[in-house]
Amino acid sequence: MSTSSLYHAWRLRGYRYQRTNLSGGGADFVIEQSPDRFRTRCGSPSTCCIPL
């Protein structure tokens, strides 16, 4: 598995593949969000917007 495979299989963008955990006949893909893609609900990279 690779970051490219995650995009092509599930259209995941802005994440990096870390590892695969196999257990009980299943596979868990561990991914990490790229720091430059962190966003709050309102789209700000550093603050939370609360509507008044």
C-alpha atoms as a PDB file:
ATOM      1  CA  MET A   1       0.000   0.000   0.000  1.00  0.00           C
ATOM      2  CA  SER A   2       1.182   3.522  -0.627  1.00  0.00           C
ATOM      3  CA  THR A   3      -0.110   7.074  -0.422  1.00  0.00           C
ATOM      4  CA  SER A   4      -0.789   6.902  -4.165  1.00  0.00           C
ATOM      5  CA  SER A   5      -2.803   3.685  -3.732  1.00  0.00           C
ATOM      6  CA  LEU A   6      -4.976   5.340  -1.050  1.00  0.00           C
ATOM      7  CA  TYR A   7      -5.782   8.135  -3.483  1.00  0.00           C
ATOM      8  CA  HIS A   8      -6.584   5.865  -6.405  1.00  0.00           C
ATOM      9  CA  ALA A   9      -8.581   3.318  -4.366  1.00  0.00           C
ATOM     10  CA  TRP A  10     -10.494   5.682  -2.041  1.00  0.00           C
ATOM     11  CA  ARG A  11      -9.768   9.197  -3.376  1.00  0.00           C
ATOM     12  CA  LEU A  12      -8.086  10.182  -0.097  1.00  0.00           C
ATOM     13  CA  ARG A  13      -6.125  13.409  -0.489  1.00  0.00           C
ATOM     14  CA  GLY A  14      -3.933  15.186   2.018  1.00  0.00           C
ATOM     15  CA  TYR A  15      -3.041  12.011   3.935  1.00  0.00           C
ATOM     16  CA  ARG A  16       0.173   9.988   4.108  1.00  0.00           C
ATOM     17  CA  TYR A  17       0.207   6.220   4.445  1.00  0.00           C
ATOM     18  CA  GLN A  18       2.019   5.038   7.599  1.00  0.00           C
ATOM     19  CA  ARG A  19       1.427   1.282   7.947  1.00  0.00           C
ATOM     20  CA  THR A  20      -1.062  -1.568   7.701  1.00  0.00           C
ATOM     21  CA  ASN A  21      -2.231  -3.506  10.781  1.00  0.00           C
ATOM     22  CA  LEU A  22      -3.532  -6.993  10.009  1.00  0.00           C
ATOM     23  CA  SER A  23      -5.801  -8.684  12.548  1.00  0.00           C
ATOM     24  CA  GLY A  24      -8.799 -10.992  12.567  1.00  0.00           C
ATOM     25  CA  GLY A  25      -8.829 -11.371   8.797  1.00  0.00           C
ATOM     26  CA  GLY A  26      -9.055  -7.603   8.265  1.00  0.00           C
ATOM     27  CA  ALA A  27      -6.667  -4.805   7.451  1.00  0.00           C
ATOM     28  CA  ASP A  28      -6.488  -1.396   9.132  1.00  0.00           C
ATOM     29  CA  PHE A  29      -4.611   1.277   7.225  1.00  0.00           C
ATOM     30  CA  VAL A  30      -2.899   3.809   9.465  1.00  0.00           C
ATOM     31  CA  ILE A  31      -2.685   7.211   7.783  1.00  0.00           C
ATOM     32  CA  GLU A  32      -1.566  10.656   8.873  1.00  0.00           C
ATOM     33  CA  GLN A  33      -3.043  13.953   7.798  1.00  0.00           C
ATOM     34  CA  SER A  34      -0.491  16.312   6.253  1.00  0.00           C
ATOM     35  CA  PRO A  35       0.051  19.298   8.598  1.00  0.00           C
ATOM     36  CA  ASP A  36      -0.500  21.747   5.748  1.00  0.00           C
ATOM     37  CA  ARG A  37      -4.014  20.291   5.317  1.00  0.00           C
ATOM     38  CA  PHE A  38      -5.198  20.815   8.931  1.00  0.00           C
ATOM     39  CA  ARG A  39      -8.326  22.948   8.964  1.00  0.00           C
ATOM     40  CA  THR A  40     -11.046  23.792  11.449  1.00  0.00           C
ATOM     41  CA  ARG A  41     -14.747  23.506  10.574  1.00  0.00           C
ATOM     42  CA  CYS A  42     -14.760  27.043   9.148  1.00  0.00           C
ATOM     43  CA  GLY A  43     -11.629  26.450   7.061  1.00  0.00           C
ATOM     44  CA  SER A  44      -9.134  28.364   9.184  1.00  0.00           C
ATOM     45  CA  PRO A  45      -5.783  26.602   9.744  1.00  0.00           C
ATOM     46  CA  SER A  46      -5.322  27.929  13.307  1.00  0.00           C
ATOM     47  CA  THR A  47      -8.534  29.233  14.900  1.00  0.00           C
ATOM     48  CA  CYS A  48     -12.045  27.992  15.460  1.00  0.00           C
ATOM     49  CA  CYS A  49     -14.904  30.075  14.140  1.00  0.00           C
ATOM     50  CA  ILE A  50     -17.994  30.131  16.342  1.00  0.00           C
ATOM     51  CA  PRO A  51     -21.120  31.710  14.865  1.00  0.00           C
ATOM     52  CA  LEU A  52     -22.862  34.211  17.164  1.00  0.00           C
END
